[in-house]
Amino acid sequence: MAICEHLIAADVSANCNNLIRAGVEQIGYIINKADIESISETDRVVDSIVMKTGKKAYRIQQLGAQPFNGTSSEMQEGDYANTMNKVAAFVVLDNGPDIAKDIIEPLMNGEFIVIIENKYKDATKRNAFEMIGWDSGAHATAISQNKYENQSAWQVELTETEVGNAGRYVWKDSVEDTRALLDALLVAAA
């Protein structure tokens, strides 16, 4: 049996040449977790996502100055080990029978992976595309619509609970190559 060690392994300091900044880009991706055949990952960096035959990812477009507002990570104190809860928050900017059937109702009970693009990118840029949901699946914890607030948009929060790591990222050589990898997932796998 291995002995778990939790030892810090890097300096805690500001990146003075590229100060951290808040925010997420307007385009993200959502995938039904069950539609993924496999991923390839090294040190919490995913470089390949293989979809099951006939399955695909879907684009999430967010408008406004604060896309994906409410997306967050928060440590949860445990009895034996601490974990993270990760929230992917977005709005559905449409309404009607097809939206109810194809988006809202599946979100209510499904298990998902959401990939967002951070505005802040470190020198390597490997932190650009963050993945929520691979470890324990992101599930709906809140879906609401108020006809007189937020332009009547559906407010959605998907939460992944009890995650044993602070972050998982998708990266393929460059920002452009990673976007191409993710955009390729928008077409049904052969």
Protein backbone atom coordinates (compact mmCIF):
# COMPACT_ATOMS: atom_id res chain seq x y z
CA MET A 1 0.00 0.00 0.00
CA ALA A 2 1.34 3.42 -0.96
CA ILE A 3 1.74 6.17 1.60
CA CYS A 4 0.03 9.37 0.41
CA GLU A 5 2.21 12.45 0.59
CA HIS A 6 0.98 15.96 0.01
CA LEU A 7 4.10 18.07 -0.42
CA ILE A 8 4.24 21.39 -2.26
CA ALA A 9 6.62 21.24 -5.23
CA ALA A 10 6.89 24.79 -6.61
CA ASP A 11 7.31 28.39 -5.49
CA VAL A 12 4.15 30.33 -4.73
CA SER A 13 4.69 33.65 -6.50
CA ALA A 14 3.11 36.03 -8.99
CA ASN A 15 3.88 35.82 -12.67
CA CYS A 16 5.04 39.44 -13.02
CA ASN A 17 5.44 39.18 -16.81
CA ASN A 18 1.92 37.81 -17.39
CA LEU A 19 -0.37 38.74 -14.51
CA ILE A 20 -3.28 36.40 -13.91
CA ARG A 21 -6.66 37.71 -15.05
CA ALA A 22 -10.27 36.75 -14.62
CA GLY A 23 -12.59 35.52 -17.29
CA VAL A 24 -13.50 32.89 -19.80
CA GLU A 25 -13.82 33.14 -23.59
CA GLN A 26 -17.30 33.05 -25.17
CA ILE A 27 -17.06 29.57 -26.75
CA GLY A 28 -16.98 26.35 -24.75
CA TYR A 29 -17.84 22.70 -25.36
CA ILE A 30 -20.16 20.20 -23.68
CA ILE A 31 -19.99 16.44 -24.13
CA ASN A 32 -22.24 13.67 -22.83
CA LYS A 33 -19.72 11.77 -20.70
CA ALA A 34 -21.17 8.43 -21.87
CA ASP A 35 -20.35 9.37 -25.49
CA ILE A 36 -16.59 9.36 -24.89
CA GLU A 37 -14.75 6.20 -25.85
CA SER A 38 -11.42 7.24 -24.29
CA ILE A 39 -9.04 10.06 -23.52
CA SER A 40 -5.25 10.17 -23.50
CA GLU A 41 -3.79 12.10 -20.57
CA THR A 42 -0.42 12.82 -18.99
CA ASP A 43 -0.05 14.80 -15.75
CA ARG A 44 -3.63 16.15 -15.92
CA VAL A 45 -3.21 17.30 -19.53
CA VAL A 46 -5.54 15.61 -22.04
CA ASP A 47 -4.15 15.49 -25.58
CA SER A 48 -6.72 13.21 -27.23
CA ILE A 49 -10.46 12.64 -26.87
CA VAL A 50 -12.01 9.77 -28.82
CA MET A 51 -15.78 9.75 -29.22
CA LYS A 52 -17.89 6.63 -29.65
CA THR A 53 -19.16 5.97 -33.18
CA GLY A 54 -21.93 8.38 -34.15
CA LYS A 55 -21.38 10.59 -31.07
CA LYS A 56 -20.19 14.19 -30.93
CA ALA A 57 -19.58 17.20 -28.71
CA TYR A 58 -21.69 20.37 -28.72
CA ARG A 59 -20.68 24.01 -28.69
CA ILE A 60 -21.77 26.36 -25.90
CA GLN A 61 -21.82 30.00 -26.99
CA GLN A 62 -22.09 32.64 -24.29
CA LEU A 63 -22.68 36.33 -24.96
CA GLY A 64 -21.92 39.38 -22.85
CA ALA A 65 -18.97 40.66 -20.87
CA GLN A 66 -18.87 37.73 -18.40
CA PRO A 67 -19.37 34.44 -20.27
CA PHE A 68 -19.68 31.34 -18.08
CA ASN A 69 -20.14 33.63 -15.05
CA GLY A 70 -20.37 31.48 -11.92
CA THR A 71 -17.88 28.86 -13.16
CA SER A 72 -15.70 28.05 -10.17
CA SER A 73 -13.73 25.54 -8.11
CA GLU A 74 -13.98 25.24 -4.34
CA MET A 75 -12.27 22.92 -1.89
CA GLN A 76 -14.58 20.74 0.17
CA GLU A 77 -13.28 19.62 3.53
CA GLY A 78 -13.64 15.87 3.97
CA ASP A 79 -13.43 13.49 6.90
CA TYR A 80 -10.30 11.80 5.51
CA ALA A 81 -9.24 13.81 2.47
CA ASN A 82 -10.17 17.17 1.00
CA THR A 83 -11.60 17.36 -2.51
CA MET A 84 -12.76 19.99 -4.99
CA ASN A 85 -16.22 20.80 -6.27
CA LYS A 86 -16.11 22.33 -9.75
CA VAL A 87 -19.02 24.27 -11.24
CA ALA A 88 -19.58 24.99 -14.92
CA ALA A 89 -22.15 27.78 -15.17
CA PHE A 90 -23.73 28.99 -18.40
CA VAL A 91 -26.96 30.29 -19.86
CA VAL A 92 -29.15 28.85 -22.61
CA LEU A 93 -30.13 31.82 -24.75
CA ASP A 94 -33.20 30.29 -26.37
CA ASN A 95 -36.50 28.72 -25.40
CA GLY A 96 -39.11 26.49 -26.98
CA PRO A 97 -40.11 22.84 -27.38
CA ASP A 98 -36.89 21.77 -29.12
CA ILE A 99 -34.75 23.54 -26.51
CA ALA A 100 -36.74 21.87 -23.72
CA LYS A 101 -36.44 18.40 -25.29
CA ASP A 102 -32.89 18.55 -26.70
CA ILE A 103 -31.08 20.67 -24.10
CA ILE A 104 -32.86 21.45 -20.80
CA GLU A 105 -34.36 18.01 -20.10
CA PRO A 106 -31.11 16.12 -20.85
CA LEU A 107 -29.19 18.63 -18.68
CA MET A 108 -31.58 17.88 -15.79
CA ASN A 109 -30.43 14.26 -15.40
CA GLY A 110 -27.37 13.70 -17.56
CA GLU A 111 -23.65 13.46 -16.84
CA PHE A 112 -21.40 15.83 -18.76
CA ILE A 113 -17.96 17.17 -19.46
CA VAL A 114 -17.59 20.91 -20.06
CA ILE A 115 -14.47 22.46 -21.59
CA ILE A 116 -13.95 26.20 -21.25
CA GLU A 117 -11.19 28.47 -22.55
CA ASN A 118 -9.62 30.66 -19.87
CA LYS A 119 -8.74 34.25 -20.80
CA TYR A 120 -5.55 33.94 -18.74
CA LYS A 121 -2.96 31.81 -20.48
CA ASP A 122 0.41 31.15 -18.85
CA ALA A 123 3.67 31.13 -20.82
CA THR A 124 3.13 27.54 -22.01
CA LYS A 125 -0.60 28.16 -22.69
CA ARG A 126 -1.33 24.60 -21.51
CA ASN A 127 -3.79 26.10 -19.00
CA ALA A 128 -5.94 27.63 -21.76
CA PHE A 129 -8.60 24.91 -22.03
CA GLU A 130 -9.93 23.63 -18.72
CA MET A 131 -12.01 20.45 -18.40
CA ILE A 132 -14.76 19.99 -15.81
CA GLY A 133 -16.47 16.62 -15.41
CA TRP A 134 -14.00 13.90 -16.39
CA ASP A 135 -13.35 12.62 -12.88
CA SER A 136 -16.88 12.23 -11.50
CA GLY A 137 -19.10 13.75 -14.19
CA ALA A 138 -20.71 17.16 -14.04
CA HIS A 139 -24.39 16.96 -13.02
CA ALA A 140 -27.08 19.63 -12.87
CA THR A 141 -27.30 21.26 -9.47
CA ALA A 142 -29.36 24.23 -10.63
CA ILE A 143 -31.45 25.00 -13.71
CA SER A 144 -33.81 27.94 -13.59
CA GLN A 145 -35.59 30.44 -15.78
CA ASN A 146 -37.24 33.65 -14.65
CA LYS A 147 -39.37 35.24 -17.35
CA TYR A 148 -38.52 38.75 -16.07
CA GLU A 149 -34.81 38.42 -15.33
CA ASN A 150 -31.68 37.73 -17.37
CA GLN A 151 -33.64 38.19 -20.60
CA SER A 152 -35.56 35.00 -19.74
CA ALA A 153 -32.45 32.86 -20.39
CA TRP A 154 -32.14 29.47 -18.72
CA GLN A 155 -29.50 29.63 -15.96
CA VAL A 156 -27.58 26.33 -15.72
CA GLU A 157 -25.05 25.06 -13.18
CA LEU A 158 -23.38 21.70 -13.66
CA THR A 159 -21.31 20.54 -10.68
CA GLU A 160 -18.61 17.91 -10.46
CA THR A 161 -18.15 16.84 -6.84
CA GLU A 162 -15.41 15.18 -4.79
CA VAL A 163 -12.66 15.70 -7.37
CA GLY A 164 -9.21 14.77 -6.11
CA ASN A 165 -7.37 17.35 -8.22
CA ALA A 166 -7.46 21.12 -8.68
CA GLY A 167 -7.49 21.10 -12.47
CA ARG A 168 -7.50 19.08 -15.68
CA TYR A 169 -6.70 20.67 -19.05
CA VAL A 170 -6.95 19.87 -22.75
CA TRP A 171 -3.87 20.71 -24.82
CA LYS A 172 -2.54 19.77 -28.25
CA ASP A 173 0.70 21.65 -29.16
CA SER A 174 -0.84 25.17 -29.47
CA VAL A 175 -4.03 27.11 -28.79
CA GLU A 176 -4.98 26.78 -32.47
CA ASP A 177 -4.30 23.02 -32.56
CA THR A 178 -6.30 22.53 -29.36
CA ARG A 179 -9.24 24.48 -30.81
CA ALA A 180 -9.00 22.31 -33.93
CA LEU A 181 -9.03 19.15 -31.77
CA LEU A 182 -12.14 20.37 -29.93
CA ASP A 183 -13.88 21.62 -33.10
CA ALA A 184 -13.30 18.20 -34.71
CA LEU A 185 -15.38 16.70 -31.88
CA LEU A 186 -18.39 18.71 -33.12
CA VAL A 187 -18.76 16.25 -36.01
CA ALA A 188 -20.14 12.79 -35.27
CA ALA A 189 -17.37 10.19 -35.00
CA ALA A 190 -17.18 7.65 -37.79
